């Protein structure tokens, strides 16, 4: 009986280590072909406020850390990035930020990923 209990405890320890080492305890990502572990490695290796994760279709996904200002800080980072590309912030509605440049409108959406990180989806043509 003692061997069974020890074996069971060993399995739990191994499973727990596997989950935490591979970052499986993080929520699912809305981005294909990117794992939580890869996302965290990218943001930890970068000094940028917003780190590009992937391009899917006509959108570019970024991640940013939340600061003491929470989503307000995230929105400021987005506005700064787009301002550098000539876009003017117009308004926010929920998780959508609306920008204009010439006669074109751009909508950027945000999504909380964890309590420390937010995902940002930007139409890829913002750089044009």
C-alpha atoms as a PDB file:
ATOM      1  CA  UNK A   1       0.000   0.000   0.000  1.00  0.00           C
ATOM      2  CA  UNK A   2       2.864   2.345   0.857  1.00  0.00           C
ATOM      3  CA  UNK A   3       4.449   1.785  -2.587  1.00  0.00           C
ATOM      4  CA  UNK A   4       1.158   2.638  -4.302  1.00  0.00           C
ATOM      5  CA  UNK A   5       0.845   5.916  -2.376  1.00  0.00           C
ATOM      6  CA  UNK A   6       4.482   6.837  -3.115  1.00  0.00           C
ATOM      7  CA  UNK A   7       3.978   6.026  -6.804  1.00  0.00           C
ATOM      8  CA  UNK A   8       0.841   8.162  -6.895  1.00  0.00           C
ATOM      9  CA  UNK A   9       2.635  11.097  -5.219  1.00  0.00           C
ATOM     10  CA  UNK A  10       5.555  10.745  -7.645  1.00  0.00           C
ATOM     11  CA  UNK A  11       3.135  10.886 -10.614  1.00  0.00           C
ATOM     12  CA  UNK A  12       1.522  14.029  -9.250  1.00  0.00           C
ATOM     13  CA  UNK A  13       4.905  15.689  -8.745  1.00  0.00           C
ATOM     14  CA  UNK A  14       6.045  14.805 -12.283  1.00  0.00           C
ATOM     15  CA  UNK A  15       2.750  16.002 -13.810  1.00  0.00           C
ATOM     16  CA  UNK A  16       2.914  19.285 -11.870  1.00  0.00           C
ATOM     17  CA  UNK A  17       6.482  19.932 -12.980  1.00  0.00           C
ATOM     18  CA  UNK A  18       5.552  19.187 -16.594  1.00  0.00           C
ATOM     19  CA  UNK A  19       2.613  21.608 -16.479  1.00  0.00           C
ATOM     20  CA  UNK A  20       4.613  24.468 -14.973  1.00  0.00           C
ATOM     21  CA  UNK A  21       7.772  23.981 -17.034  1.00  0.00           C
ATOM     22  CA  UNK A  22       5.767  23.989 -20.257  1.00  0.00           C
ATOM     23  CA  UNK A  23       3.527  26.890 -19.151  1.00  0.00           C
ATOM     24  CA  UNK A  24       0.386  24.790 -19.637  1.00  0.00           C
ATOM     25  CA  UNK A  25      -1.270  26.549 -16.710  1.00  0.00           C
ATOM     26  CA  UNK A  26      -1.689  29.731 -18.801  1.00  0.00           C
ATOM     27  CA  UNK A  27      -4.950  30.368 -20.664  1.00  0.00           C
ATOM     28  CA  UNK A  28      -5.277  29.305 -24.284  1.00  0.00           C
ATOM     29  CA  UNK A  29      -4.074  31.775 -26.891  1.00  0.00           C
ATOM     30  CA  UNK A  30      -6.286  32.979 -29.753  1.00  0.00           C
ATOM     31  CA  UNK A  31      -3.191  32.747 -31.983  1.00  0.00           C
ATOM     32  CA  UNK A  32      -2.377  29.590 -33.938  1.00  0.00           C
ATOM     33  CA  UNK A  33       1.095  28.046 -33.894  1.00  0.00           C
ATOM     34  CA  UNK A  34       2.314  29.962 -30.801  1.00  0.00           C
ATOM     35  CA  UNK A  35       2.532  28.415 -27.344  1.00  0.00           C
ATOM     36  CA  UNK A  36       2.350  30.167 -23.995  1.00  0.00           C
ATOM     37  CA  UNK A  37       5.950  29.176 -23.364  1.00  0.00           C
ATOM     38  CA  UNK A  38       7.085  30.834 -26.620  1.00  0.00           C
ATOM     39  CA  UNK A  39       5.080  33.970 -25.850  1.00  0.00           C
ATOM     40  CA  UNK A  40       6.624  34.350 -22.414  1.00  0.00           C
ATOM     41  CA  UNK A  41      10.115  33.742 -23.786  1.00  0.00           C
ATOM     42  CA  UNK A  42       9.611  36.475 -26.413  1.00  0.00           C
ATOM     43  CA  UNK A  43       8.371  39.077 -23.964  1.00  0.00           C
ATOM     44  CA  UNK A  44      11.030  38.236 -21.370  1.00  0.00           C
ATOM     45  CA  UNK A  45      13.779  38.565 -24.001  1.00  0.00           C
ATOM     46  CA  UNK A  46      12.566  41.959 -25.221  1.00  0.00           C
ATOM     47  CA  UNK A  47      12.965  45.500 -23.924  1.00  0.00           C
ATOM     48  CA  UNK A  48      10.043  46.743 -26.035  1.00  0.00           C
ATOM     49  CA  UNK A  49       6.707  47.774 -24.554  1.00  0.00           C
ATOM     50  CA  UNK A  50       4.847  45.802 -27.226  1.00  0.00           C
ATOM     51  CA  UNK A  51       6.316  42.582 -28.597  1.00  0.00           C
ATOM     52  CA  UNK A  52       5.172  41.162 -31.929  1.00  0.00           C
ATOM     53  CA  UNK A  53       4.060  37.547 -31.614  1.00  0.00           C
ATOM     54  CA  UNK A  54       2.660  36.472 -34.962  1.00  0.00           C
ATOM     55  CA  UNK A  55       1.020  37.495 -38.184  1.00  0.00           C
ATOM     56  CA  UNK A  56      -2.224  35.731 -39.000  1.00  0.00           C
ATOM     57  CA  UNK A  57      -4.058  36.634 -42.145  1.00  0.00           C
ATOM     58  CA  UNK A  58      -4.369  40.398 -42.256  1.00  0.00           C
ATOM     59  CA  UNK A  59      -3.612  40.935 -38.551  1.00  0.00           C
ATOM     60  CA  UNK A  60      -0.502  41.231 -36.410  1.00  0.00           C
ATOM     61  CA  UNK A  61      -0.661  40.034 -32.812  1.00  0.00           C
ATOM     62  CA  UNK A  62       1.332  41.761 -30.078  1.00  0.00           C
ATOM     63  CA  UNK A  63       1.672  41.208 -26.352  1.00  0.00           C
ATOM     64  CA  UNK A  64       2.356  43.787 -23.684  1.00  0.00           C
ATOM     65  CA  UNK A  65       2.820  43.681 -19.935  1.00  0.00           C
ATOM     66  CA  UNK A  66       0.332  45.492 -17.774  1.00  0.00           C
ATOM     67  CA  UNK A  67       1.858  48.194 -15.625  1.00  0.00           C
ATOM     68  CA  UNK A  68       0.438  49.993 -12.584  1.00  0.00           C
ATOM     69  CA  UNK A  69      -2.081  51.712 -14.887  1.00  0.00           C
ATOM     70  CA  UNK A  70      -3.485  48.394 -16.135  1.00  0.00           C
ATOM     71  CA  UNK A  71      -5.289  48.603 -19.470  1.00  0.00           C
ATOM     72  CA  UNK A  72      -4.871  52.378 -19.519  1.00  0.00           C
ATOM     73  CA  UNK A  73      -1.114  51.847 -19.898  1.00  0.00           C
ATOM     74  CA  UNK A  74      -1.716  49.237 -22.616  1.00  0.00           C
ATOM     75  CA  UNK A  75      -3.931  51.658 -24.538  1.00  0.00           C
ATOM     76  CA  UNK A  76      -1.273  54.366 -24.256  1.00  0.00           C
ATOM     77  CA  UNK A  77       1.350  51.960 -25.674  1.00  0.00           C
ATOM     78  CA  UNK A  78      -0.937  51.154 -28.607  1.00  0.00           C
ATOM     79  CA  UNK A  79      -1.640  54.823 -29.294  1.00  0.00           C
ATOM     80  CA  UNK A  80       2.059  55.639 -29.235  1.00  0.00           C
ATOM     81  CA  UNK A  81       2.928  52.800 -31.640  1.00  0.00           C
ATOM     82  CA  UNK A  82       0.230  53.830 -34.108  1.00  0.00           C
ATOM     83  CA  UNK A  83       0.993  57.536 -33.781  1.00  0.00           C
ATOM     84  CA  UNK A  84       4.523  56.764 -35.001  1.00  0.00           C
ATOM     85  CA  UNK A  85       2.906  55.346 -38.145  1.00  0.00           C
ATOM     86  CA  UNK A  86       0.725  58.399 -38.752  1.00  0.00           C
ATOM     87  CA  UNK A  87      -2.521  57.168 -37.174  1.00  0.00           C
ATOM     88  CA  UNK A  88      -4.586  59.501 -35.007  1.00  0.00           C
ATOM     89  CA  UNK A  89      -6.512  58.073 -32.056  1.00  0.00           C
ATOM     90  CA  UNK A  90     -10.220  58.925 -32.236  1.00  0.00           C
ATOM     91  CA  UNK A  91     -12.071  56.938 -29.598  1.00  0.00           C
ATOM     92  CA  UNK A  92     -12.350  53.769 -27.581  1.00  0.00           C
ATOM     93  CA  UNK A  93     -15.378  51.499 -27.404  1.00  0.00           C
ATOM     94  CA  UNK A  94     -14.953  48.545 -25.085  1.00  0.00           C
ATOM     95  CA  UNK A  95     -11.812  46.677 -26.102  1.00  0.00           C
ATOM     96  CA  UNK A  96     -11.635  48.436 -29.479  1.00  0.00           C
ATOM     97  CA  UNK A  97      -9.494  51.489 -30.174  1.00  0.00           C
ATOM     98  CA  UNK A  98     -10.383  53.483 -33.284  1.00  0.00           C
ATOM     99  CA  UNK A  99      -7.777  55.348 -35.328  1.00  0.00           C
ATOM    100  CA  UNK A 100      -7.879  57.409 -38.512  1.00  0.00           C
ATOM    101  CA  UNK A 101      -5.300  58.303 -41.138  1.00  0.00           C
ATOM    102  CA  UNK A 102      -6.240  60.214 -44.261  1.00  0.00           C
ATOM    103  CA  UNK A 103      -9.677  58.774 -45.113  1.00  0.00           C
ATOM    104  CA  UNK A 104      -9.015  55.362 -43.623  1.00  0.00           C
ATOM    105  CA  UNK A 105     -10.201  53.900 -40.323  1.00  0.00           C
ATOM    106  CA  UNK A 106      -8.317  51.308 -38.284  1.00  0.00           C
ATOM    107  CA  UNK A 107      -9.654  49.276 -35.357  1.00  0.00           C
ATOM    108  CA  UNK A 108      -7.257  47.724 -32.842  1.00  0.00           C
ATOM    109  CA  UNK A 109      -8.624  45.244 -30.321  1.00  0.00           C
ATOM    110  CA  UNK A 110      -7.218  44.184 -26.975  1.00  0.00           C
ATOM    111  CA  UNK A 111      -7.743  41.070 -24.918  1.00  0.00           C
ATOM    112  CA  UNK A 112      -6.598  40.287 -21.408  1.00  0.00           C
ATOM    113  CA  UNK A 113      -4.554  37.107 -21.512  1.00  0.00           C
ATOM    114  CA  UNK A 114      -3.603  36.864 -17.844  1.00  0.00           C
ATOM    115  CA  UNK A 115      -3.578  39.302 -14.962  1.00  0.00           C
ATOM    116  CA  UNK A 116      -0.130  40.469 -16.134  1.00  0.00           C
ATOM    117  CA  UNK A 117      -0.394  40.468 -19.938  1.00  0.00           C
ATOM    118  CA  UNK A 118      -2.693  41.761 -22.660  1.00  0.00           C
ATOM    119  CA  UNK A 119      -2.867  40.656 -26.279  1.00  0.00           C
ATOM    120  CA  UNK A 120      -3.279  43.275 -28.995  1.00  0.00           C
ATOM    121  CA  UNK A 121      -4.601  42.574 -32.504  1.00  0.00           C
ATOM    122  CA  UNK A 122      -3.680  45.190 -35.101  1.00  0.00           C
ATOM    123  CA  UNK A 123      -4.608  45.166 -38.799  1.00  0.00           C
ATOM    124  CA  UNK A 124      -1.354  44.529 -40.665  1.00  0.00           C
ATOM    125  CA  UNK A 125      -1.785  47.476 -43.010  1.00  0.00           C
ATOM    126  CA  UNK A 126      -1.196  49.974 -40.146  1.00  0.00           C
ATOM    127  CA  UNK A 127       2.456  50.189 -41.221  1.00  0.00           C
ATOM    128  CA  UNK A 128       1.649  51.361 -44.761  1.00  0.00           C
END
